[in-house]
Amino acid sequence: MDSISILDELLGLMAGQGITMRKGPMGGDGGGLCKLRGSTTFFVDTQADTMEMAVKAAKALVSMVDMEKIFIKPQLRQFIDQYSADKA
């Protein structure tokens, strides 16, 4: 899977868990997870590197979702395990 496919899959998993998405230019170093007034939103910086946003999405997903309770494609799970190990 390429980084665009990985990011798309991760965003789809997040949406399936009730996390909303907002996409827009944020200077290339923005994006990430935000909780505000009971709502969880993941901001996608359209100016950022796709791989960087995929890593941020993987870390956000791990922090918000019980990964054992949802089906995740093996290649995607491997990516999540590799890049979210520190969960930071």
PDB file of N, CA and C in Angstrom:
ATOM      1  N   MET A   1       0.845  -1.186   0.000  1.00  0.00           N
ATOM      2  CA  MET A   1       0.000   0.000   0.000  1.00  0.00           C
ATOM      3  C   MET A   1       0.885   1.242   0.000  1.00  0.00           C
ATOM      4  N   ASP A   2       0.510   2.232  -0.781  1.00  0.00           N
ATOM      5  CA  ASP A   2       1.256   3.485  -0.758  1.00  0.00           C
ATOM      6  C   ASP A   2       0.689   4.393   0.341  1.00  0.00           C
ATOM      7  N   SER A   3       1.384   5.490   0.618  1.00  0.00           N
ATOM      8  CA  SER A   3       0.994   6.361   1.733  1.00  0.00           C
ATOM      9  C   SER A   3      -0.380   6.997   1.533  1.00  0.00           C
ATOM     10  N   ILE A   4      -0.761   7.255   0.298  1.00  0.00           N
ATOM     11  CA  ILE A   4      -2.089   7.835   0.039  1.00  0.00           C
ATOM     12  C   ILE A   4      -3.174   6.821   0.392  1.00  0.00           C
ATOM     13  N   SER A   5      -2.984   5.577  -0.020  1.00  0.00           N
ATOM     14  CA  SER A   5      -3.951   4.519   0.297  1.00  0.00           C
ATOM     15  C   SER A   5      -4.035   4.285   1.797  1.00  0.00           C
ATOM     16  N   ILE A   6      -2.892   4.293   2.448  1.00  0.00           N
ATOM     17  CA  ILE A   6      -2.861   4.099   3.901  1.00  0.00           C
ATOM     18  C   ILE A   6      -3.620   5.219   4.596  1.00  0.00           C
ATOM     19  N   LEU A   7      -3.356   6.461   4.211  1.00  0.00           N
ATOM     20  CA  LEU A   7      -4.052   7.592   4.827  1.00  0.00           C
ATOM     21  C   LEU A   7      -5.552   7.496   4.585  1.00  0.00           C
ATOM     22  N   ASP A   8      -5.951   7.178   3.374  1.00  0.00           N
ATOM     23  CA  ASP A   8      -7.381   7.035   3.065  1.00  0.00           C
ATOM     24  C   ASP A   8      -8.032   5.957   3.927  1.00  0.00           C
ATOM     25  N   GLU A   9      -7.368   4.824   4.074  1.00  0.00           N
ATOM     26  CA  GLU A   9      -7.902   3.728   4.893  1.00  0.00           C
ATOM     27  C   GLU A   9      -8.012   4.151   6.359  1.00  0.00           C
ATOM     28  N   LEU A  10      -6.983   4.823   6.866  1.00  0.00           N
ATOM     29  CA  LEU A  10      -7.003   5.276   8.258  1.00  0.00           C
ATOM     30  C   LEU A  10      -8.129   6.276   8.499  1.00  0.00           C
ATOM     31  N   LEU A  11      -8.300   7.207   7.576  1.00  0.00           N
ATOM     32  CA  LEU A  11      -9.378   8.189   7.718  1.00  0.00           C
ATOM     33  C   LEU A  11     -10.737   7.508   7.664  1.00  0.00           C
ATOM     34  N   GLY A  12     -10.855   6.487   6.834  1.00  0.00           N
ATOM     35  CA  GLY A  12     -12.098   5.726   6.769  1.00  0.00           C
ATOM     36  C   GLY A  12     -12.400   5.003   8.076  1.00  0.00           C
ATOM     37  N   LEU A  13     -11.371   4.419   8.684  1.00  0.00           N
ATOM     38  CA  LEU A  13     -11.556   3.759   9.978  1.00  0.00           C
ATOM     39  C   LEU A  13     -11.969   4.763  11.044  1.00  0.00           C
ATOM     40  N   MET A  14     -11.340   5.931  11.025  1.00  0.00           N
ATOM     41  CA  MET A  14     -11.678   6.966  12.002  1.00  0.00           C
ATOM     42  C   MET A  14     -13.121   7.426  11.817  1.00  0.00           C
ATOM     43  N   ALA A  15     -13.514   7.639  10.589  1.00  0.00           N
ATOM     44  CA  ALA A  15     -14.888   8.069  10.309  1.00  0.00           C
ATOM     45  C   ALA A  15     -15.882   7.008  10.773  1.00  0.00           C
ATOM     46  N   GLY A  16     -15.532   5.753  10.590  1.00  0.00           N
ATOM     47  CA  GLY A  16     -16.382   4.659  11.024  1.00  0.00           C
ATOM     48  C   GLY A  16     -16.541   4.581  12.533  1.00  0.00           C
ATOM     49  N   GLN A  17     -15.634   5.221  13.248  1.00  0.00           N
ATOM     50  CA  GLN A  17     -15.694   5.254  14.707  1.00  0.00           C
ATOM     51  C   GLN A  17     -16.275   6.568  15.230  1.00  0.00           C
ATOM     52  N   GLY A  18     -16.817   7.374  14.313  1.00  0.00           N
ATOM     53  CA  GLY A  18     -17.478   8.613  14.717  1.00  0.00           C
ATOM     54  C   GLY A  18     -16.571   9.827  14.828  1.00  0.00           C
ATOM     55  N   ILE A  19     -15.338   9.689  14.375  1.00  0.00           N
ATOM     56  CA  ILE A  19     -14.408  10.819  14.397  1.00  0.00           C
ATOM     57  C   ILE A  19     -14.607  11.608  13.111  1.00  0.00           C
ATOM     58  N   THR A  20     -14.864  12.903  13.234  1.00  0.00           N
ATOM     59  CA  THR A  20     -15.076  13.726  12.047  1.00  0.00           C
ATOM     60  C   THR A  20     -13.736  14.182  11.477  1.00  0.00           C
ATOM     61  N   MET A  21     -13.749  14.524  10.196  1.00  0.00           N
ATOM     62  CA  MET A  21     -12.543  14.972   9.506  1.00  0.00           C
ATOM     63  C   MET A  21     -12.719  16.402   9.028  1.00  0.00           C
ATOM     64  N   ARG A  22     -11.645  17.143   9.101  1.00  0.00           N
ATOM     65  CA  ARG A  22     -11.593  18.462   8.476  1.00  0.00           C
ATOM     66  C   ARG A  22     -10.287  18.534   7.712  1.00  0.00           C
ATOM     67  N   LYS A  23     -10.390  18.883   6.441  1.00  0.00           N
ATOM     68  CA  LYS A  23      -9.205  18.980   5.590  1.00  0.00           C
ATOM     69  C   LYS A  23      -9.004  20.425   5.183  1.00  0.00           C
ATOM     70  N   GLY A  24      -7.750  20.855   5.203  1.00  0.00           N
ATOM     71  CA  GLY A  24      -7.437  22.202   4.767  1.00  0.00           C
ATOM     72  C   GLY A  24      -5.956  22.490   4.915  1.00  0.00           C
ATOM     73  N   PRO A  25      -5.501  23.576   4.302  1.00  0.00           N
ATOM     74  CA  PRO A  25      -4.095  23.956   4.413  1.00  0.00           C
ATOM     75  C   PRO A  25      -3.787  24.490   5.811  1.00  0.00           C
ATOM     76  N   MET A  26      -2.740  23.946   6.426  1.00  0.00           N
ATOM     77  CA  MET A  26      -2.337  24.360   7.770  1.00  0.00           C
ATOM     78  C   MET A  26      -0.839  24.612   7.849  1.00  0.00           C
ATOM     79  N   GLY A  27      -0.237  24.920   6.729  1.00  0.00           N
ATOM     80  CA  GLY A  27       1.171  25.258   6.723  1.00  0.00           C
ATOM     81  C   GLY A  27       2.129  24.099   6.518  1.00  0.00           C
ATOM     82  N   GLY A  28       1.612  22.899   6.382  1.00  0.00           N
ATOM     83  CA  GLY A  28       2.477  21.757   6.118  1.00  0.00           C
ATOM     84  C   GLY A  28       2.972  21.031   7.345  1.00  0.00           C
ATOM     85  N   ASP A  29       2.773  21.586   8.525  1.00  0.00           N
ATOM     86  CA  ASP A  29       3.238  20.937   9.746  1.00  0.00           C
ATOM     87  C   ASP A  29       2.106  20.795  10.752  1.00  0.00           C
ATOM     88  N   GLY A  30       0.883  20.956  10.273  1.00  0.00           N
ATOM     89  CA  GLY A  30      -0.271  20.909  11.171  1.00  0.00           C
ATOM     90  C   GLY A  30      -0.981  19.582  11.114  1.00  0.00           C
ATOM     91  N   GLY A  31      -2.187  19.615  11.581  1.00  0.00           N
ATOM     92  CA  GLY A  31      -3.011  18.418  11.585  1.00  0.00           C
ATOM     93  C   GLY A  31      -2.909  17.683  12.897  1.00  0.00           C
ATOM     94  N   GLY A  32      -3.868  16.806  13.112  1.00  0.00           N
ATOM     95  CA  GLY A  32      -3.875  16.013  14.326  1.00  0.00           C
ATOM     96  C   GLY A  32      -5.266  15.924  14.914  1.00  0.00           C
ATOM     97  N   LEU A  33      -5.334  15.289  16.055  1.00  0.00           N
ATOM     98  CA  LEU A  33      -6.594  15.005  16.723  1.00  0.00           C
ATOM     99  C   LEU A  33      -6.941  16.102  17.715  1.00  0.00           C
ATOM    100  N   CYS A  34      -8.225  16.439  17.775  1.00  0.00           N
ATOM    101  CA  CYS A  34      -8.696  17.480  18.685  1.00  0.00           C
ATOM    102  C   CYS A  34     -10.040  17.061  19.269  1.00  0.00           C
ATOM    103  N   LYS A  35     -10.184  17.215  20.581  1.00  0.00           N
ATOM    104  CA  LYS A  35     -11.475  16.982  21.233  1.00  0.00           C
ATOM    105  C   LYS A  35     -11.992  18.334  21.707  1.00  0.00           C
ATOM    106  N   LEU A  36     -13.202  18.658  21.277  1.00  0.00           N
ATOM    107  CA  LEU A  36     -13.772  19.944  21.634  1.00  0.00           C
ATOM    108  C   LEU A  36     -15.269  19.787  21.848  1.00  0.00           C
ATOM    109  N   ARG A  37     -15.727  20.158  23.018  1.00  0.00           N
ATOM    110  CA  ARG A  37     -17.152  20.102  23.361  1.00  0.00           C
ATOM    111  C   ARG A  37     -17.775  18.735  23.077  1.00  0.00           C
ATOM    112  N   GLY A  38     -17.091  17.694  23.460  1.00  0.00           N
ATOM    113  CA  GLY A  38     -17.626  16.347  23.302  1.00  0.00           C
ATOM    114  C   GLY A  38     -17.505  15.754  21.915  1.00  0.00           C
ATOM    115  N   SER A  39     -16.930  16.491  20.992  1.00  0.00           N
ATOM    116  CA  SER A  39     -16.764  16.010  19.624  1.00  0.00           C
ATOM    117  C   SER A  39     -15.281  15.794  19.335  1.00  0.00           C
ATOM    118  N   THR A  40     -14.992  14.736  18.615  1.00  0.00           N
ATOM    119  CA  THR A  40     -13.609  14.441  18.249  1.00  0.00           C
ATOM    120  C   THR A  40     -13.434  14.672  16.758  1.00  0.00           C
ATOM    121  N   THR A  41     -12.437  15.480  16.420  1.00  0.00           N
ATOM    122  CA  THR A  41     -12.163  15.829  15.028  1.00  0.00           C
ATOM    123  C   THR A  41     -10.693  15.569  14.723  1.00  0.00           C
ATOM    124  N   PHE A  42     -10.443  15.012  13.544  1.00  0.00           N
ATOM    125  CA  PHE A  42      -9.075  14.858  13.074  1.00  0.00           C
ATOM    126  C   PHE A  42      -8.858  15.856  11.946  1.00  0.00           C
ATOM    127  N   PHE A  43      -7.877  16.730  12.121  1.00  0.00           N
ATOM    128  CA  PHE A  43      -7.557  17.746  11.120  1.00  0.00           C
ATOM    129  C   PHE A  43      -6.472  17.210  10.190  1.00  0.00           C
ATOM    130  N   VAL A  44      -6.746  17.260   8.897  1.00  0.00           N
ATOM    131  CA  VAL A  44      -5.802  16.813   7.876  1.00  0.00           C
ATOM    132  C   VAL A  44      -5.210  18.047   7.212  1.00  0.00           C
ATOM    133  N   ASP A  45      -3.908  18.227   7.378  1.00  0.00           N
ATOM    134  CA  ASP A  45      -3.206  19.343   6.752  1.00  0.00           C
ATOM    135  C   ASP A  45      -2.918  18.973   5.298  1.00  0.00           C
ATOM    136  N   THR A  46      -3.616  19.602   4.378  1.00  0.00           N
ATOM    137  CA  THR A  46      -3.459  19.272   2.960  1.00  0.00           C
ATOM    138  C   THR A  46      -2.112  19.713   2.396  1.00  0.00           C
ATOM    139  N   GLN A  47      -1.358  20.495   3.166  1.00  0.00           N
ATOM    140  CA  GLN A  47      -0.027  20.908   2.724  1.00  0.00           C
ATOM    141  C   GLN A  47       1.069  20.007   3.295  1.00  0.00           C
ATOM    142  N   ALA A  48       0.706  19.108   4.194  1.00  0.00           N
ATOM    143  CA  ALA A  48       1.687  18.225   4.829  1.00  0.00           C
ATOM    144  C   ALA A  48       1.995  17.032   3.936  1.00  0.00           C
ATOM    145  N   ASP A  49       3.134  16.424   4.190  1.00  0.00           N
ATOM    146  CA  ASP A  49       3.526  15.195   3.520  1.00  0.00           C
ATOM    147  C   ASP A  49       2.504  14.105   3.856  1.00  0.00           C
ATOM    148  N   THR A  50       2.096  13.346   2.863  1.00  0.00           N
ATOM    149  CA  THR A  50       1.073  12.315   3.055  1.00  0.00           C
ATOM    150  C   THR A  50       1.510  11.285   4.093  1.00  0.00           C
ATOM    151  N   MET A  51       2.754  10.878   4.064  1.00  0.00           N
ATOM    152  CA  MET A  51       3.252   9.894   5.027  1.00  0.00           C
ATOM    153  C   MET A  51       3.172  10.452   6.446  1.00  0.00           C
ATOM    154  N   GLU A  52       3.537  11.710   6.612  1.00  0.00           N
ATOM    155  CA  GLU A  52       3.471  12.351   7.932  1.00  0.00           C
ATOM    156  C   GLU A  52       2.032  12.366   8.455  1.00  0.00           C
ATOM    157  N   MET A  53       1.084  12.681   7.583  1.00  0.00           N
ATOM    158  CA  MET A  53      -0.319  12.699   8.002  1.00  0.00           C
ATOM    159  C   MET A  53      -0.806  11.282   8.310  1.00  0.00           C
ATOM    160  N   ALA A  54      -0.330  10.290   7.576  1.00  0.00           N
ATOM    161  CA  ALA A  54      -0.713   8.899   7.845  1.00  0.00           C
ATOM    162  C   ALA A  54      -0.213   8.461   9.220  1.00  0.00           C
ATOM    163  N   VAL A  55       1.005   8.851   9.565  1.00  0.00           N
ATOM    164  CA  VAL A  55       1.546   8.520  10.886  1.00  0.00           C
ATOM    165  C   VAL A  55       0.720   9.198  11.978  1.00  0.00           C
ATOM    166  N   LYS A  56       0.379  10.472  11.789  1.00  0.00           N
ATOM    167  CA  LYS A  56      -0.462  11.177  12.767  1.00  0.00           C
ATOM    168  C   LYS A  56      -1.831  10.511  12.888  1.00  0.00           C
ATOM    169  N   ALA A  57      -2.382  10.084  11.774  1.00  0.00           N
ATOM    170  CA  ALA A  57      -3.685   9.418  11.790  1.00  0.00           C
ATOM    171  C   ALA A  57      -3.601   8.075  12.516  1.00  0.00           C
ATOM    172  N   ALA A  58      -2.533   7.325  12.296  1.00  0.00           N
ATOM    173  CA  ALA A  58      -2.356   6.036  12.975  1.00  0.00           C
ATOM    174  C   ALA A  58      -2.273   6.237  14.483  1.00  0.00           C
ATOM    175  N   LYS A  59      -1.500   7.212  14.906  1.00  0.00           N
ATOM    176  CA  LYS A  59      -1.364   7.491  16.340  1.00  0.00           C
ATOM    177  C   LYS A  59      -2.689   7.948  16.942  1.00  0.00           C
ATOM    178  N   ALA A  60      -3.418   8.766  16.209  1.00  0.00           N
ATOM    179  CA  ALA A  60      -4.717   9.240  16.695  1.00  0.00           C
ATOM    180  C   ALA A  60      -5.696   8.080  16.821  1.00  0.00           C
ATOM    181  N   LEU A  61      -5.705   7.212  15.832  1.00  0.00           N
ATOM    182  CA  LEU A  61      -6.621   6.072  15.848  1.00  0.00           C
ATOM    183  C   LEU A  61      -6.349   5.179  17.053  1.00  0.00           C
ATOM    184  N   VAL A  62      -5.079   4.890  17.303  1.00  0.00           N
ATOM    185  CA  VAL A  62      -4.702   4.041  18.435  1.00  0.00           C
ATOM    186  C   VAL A  62      -5.121   4.681  19.758  1.00  0.00           C
ATOM    187  N   SER A  63      -5.027   5.995  19.841  1.00  0.00           N
ATOM    188  CA  SER A  63      -5.373   6.674  21.093  1.00  0.00           C
ATOM    189  C   SER A  63      -6.878   6.731  21.345  1.00  0.00           C
ATOM    190  N   MET A  64      -7.684   6.559  20.306  1.00  0.00           N
ATOM    191  CA  MET A  64      -9.131   6.732  20.439  1.00  0.00           C
ATOM    192  C   MET A  64      -9.949   5.444  20.319  1.00  0.00           C
ATOM    193  N   VAL A  65      -9.378   4.392  19.767  1.00  0.00           N
ATOM    194  CA  VAL A  65     -10.161   3.213  19.401  1.00  0.00           C
ATOM    195  C   VAL A  65      -9.520   1.949  19.972  1.00  0.00           C
ATOM    196  N   ASP A  66     -10.348   1.024  20.447  1.00  0.00           N
ATOM    197  CA  ASP A  66      -9.863  -0.293  20.847  1.00  0.00           C
ATOM    198  C   ASP A  66      -9.579  -1.071  19.563  1.00  0.00           C
ATOM    199  N   MET A  67      -8.328  -1.182  19.226  1.00  0.00           N
ATOM    200  CA  MET A  67      -7.919  -1.753  17.945  1.00  0.00           C
ATOM    201  C   MET A  67      -8.290  -3.225  17.792  1.00  0.00           C
ATOM    202  N   GLU A  68      -8.536  -3.907  18.885  1.00  0.00           N
ATOM    203  CA  GLU A  68      -8.893  -5.321  18.813  1.00  0.00           C
ATOM    204  C   GLU A  68     -10.368  -5.524  18.469  1.00  0.00           C
ATOM    205  N   LYS A  69     -11.149  -4.470  18.522  1.00  0.00           N
ATOM    206  CA  LYS A  69     -12.588  -4.593  18.289  1.00  0.00           C
ATOM    207  C   LYS A  69     -13.021  -4.228  16.872  1.00  0.00           C
ATOM    208  N   ILE A  70     -12.073  -3.811  16.027  1.00  0.00           N
ATOM    209  CA  ILE A  70     -12.427  -3.470  14.652  1.00  0.00           C
ATOM    210  C   ILE A  70     -11.534  -4.251  13.688  1.00  0.00           C
ATOM    211  N   PHE A  71     -12.092  -4.561  12.518  1.00  0.00           N
ATOM    212  CA  PHE A  71     -11.300  -5.248  11.500  1.00  0.00           C
ATOM    213  C   PHE A  71     -10.393  -4.236  10.815  1.00  0.00           C
ATOM    214  N   ILE A  72      -9.131  -4.597  10.725  1.00  0.00           N
ATOM    215  CA  ILE A  72      -8.142  -3.760  10.043  1.00  0.00           C
ATOM    216  C   ILE A  72      -7.356  -4.672   9.105  1.00  0.00           C
ATOM    217  N   LYS A  73      -7.228  -4.263   7.867  1.00  0.00           N
ATOM    218  CA  LYS A  73      -6.463  -5.044   6.891  1.00  0.00           C
ATOM    219  C   LYS A  73      -5.047  -5.292   7.426  1.00  0.00           C
ATOM    220  N   PRO A  74      -4.495  -6.482   7.168  1.00  0.00           N
ATOM    221  CA  PRO A  74      -3.169  -6.815   7.697  1.00  0.00           C
ATOM    222  C   PRO A  74      -2.080  -5.789   7.367  1.00  0.00           C
ATOM    223  N   GLN A  75      -2.023  -5.303   6.122  1.00  0.00           N
ATOM    224  CA  GLN A  75      -1.000  -4.311   5.758  1.00  0.00           C
ATOM    225  C   GLN A  75      -1.178  -3.019   6.548  1.00  0.00           C
ATOM    226  N   LEU A  76      -2.417  -2.639   6.774  1.00  0.00           N
ATOM    227  CA  LEU A  76      -2.703  -1.421   7.521  1.00  0.00           C
ATOM    228  C   LEU A  76      -2.361  -1.609   8.993  1.00  0.00           C
ATOM    229  N   ARG A  77      -2.685  -2.770   9.543  1.00  0.00           N
ATOM    230  CA  ARG A  77      -2.357  -3.052  10.947  1.00  0.00           C
ATOM    231  C   ARG A  77      -0.843  -3.019  11.148  1.00  0.00           C
ATOM    232  N   GLN A  78      -0.105  -3.550  10.191  1.00  0.00           N
ATOM    233  CA  GLN A  78       1.355  -3.528  10.274  1.00  0.00           C
ATOM    234  C   GLN A  78       1.866  -2.085  10.304  1.00  0.00           C
ATOM    235  N   PHE A  79       1.305  -1.227   9.458  1.00  0.00           N
ATOM    236  CA  PHE A  79       1.685   0.183   9.443  1.00  0.00           C
ATOM    237  C   PHE A  79       1.374   0.830  10.795  1.00  0.00           C
ATOM    238  N   ILE A  80       0.176   0.586  11.299  1.00  0.00           N
ATOM    239  CA  ILE A  80      -0.231   1.168  12.580  1.00  0.00           C
ATOM    240  C   ILE A  80       0.708   0.707  13.689  1.00  0.00           C
ATOM    241  N   ASP A  81       0.999  -0.579  13.737  1.00  0.00           N
ATOM    242  CA  ASP A  81       1.891  -1.114  14.765  1.00  0.00           C
ATOM    243  C   ASP A  81       3.282  -0.500  14.666  1.00  0.00           C
ATOM    244  N   GLN A  82       3.769  -0.330  13.455  1.00  0.00           N
ATOM    245  CA  GLN A  82       5.115   0.202  13.253  1.00  0.00           C
ATOM    246  C   GLN A  82       5.223   1.667  13.638  1.00  0.00           C
ATOM    247  N   TYR A  83       4.246   2.474  13.252  1.00  0.00           N
ATOM    248  CA  TYR A  83       4.381   3.919  13.415  1.00  0.00           C
ATOM    249  C   TYR A  83       3.678   4.498  14.637  1.00  0.00           C
ATOM    250  N   SER A  84       2.903   3.700  15.335  1.00  0.00           N
ATOM    251  CA  SER A  84       2.242   4.237  16.525  1.00  0.00           C
ATOM    252  C   SER A  84       2.778   3.598  17.798  1.00  0.00           C
ATOM    253  N   ALA A  85       3.909   2.942  17.709  1.00  0.00           N
ATOM    254  CA  ALA A  85       4.471   2.221  18.853  1.00  0.00           C
ATOM    255  C   ALA A  85       4.645   3.114  20.077  1.00  0.00           C
ATOM    256  N   ASP A  86       5.060   4.362  19.866  1.00  0.00           N
ATOM    257  CA  ASP A  86       5.252   5.258  21.011  1.00  0.00           C
ATOM    258  C   ASP A  86       3.969   5.983  21.396  1.00  0.00           C
ATOM    259  N   LYS A  87       2.937   5.904  20.548  1.00  0.00           N
ATOM    260  CA  LYS A  87       1.622   6.509  20.786  1.00  0.00           C
ATOM    261  C   LYS A  87       1.716   7.990  21.125  1.00  0.00           C
ATOM    262  N   ALA A  88       2.764   8.636  20.668  1.00  0.00           N
ATOM    263  CA  ALA A  88       2.928  10.074  20.941  1.00  0.00           C
ATOM    264  C   ALA A  88       2.448  10.903  19.791  1.00  0.00           C
TER     265      ALA A  88
END
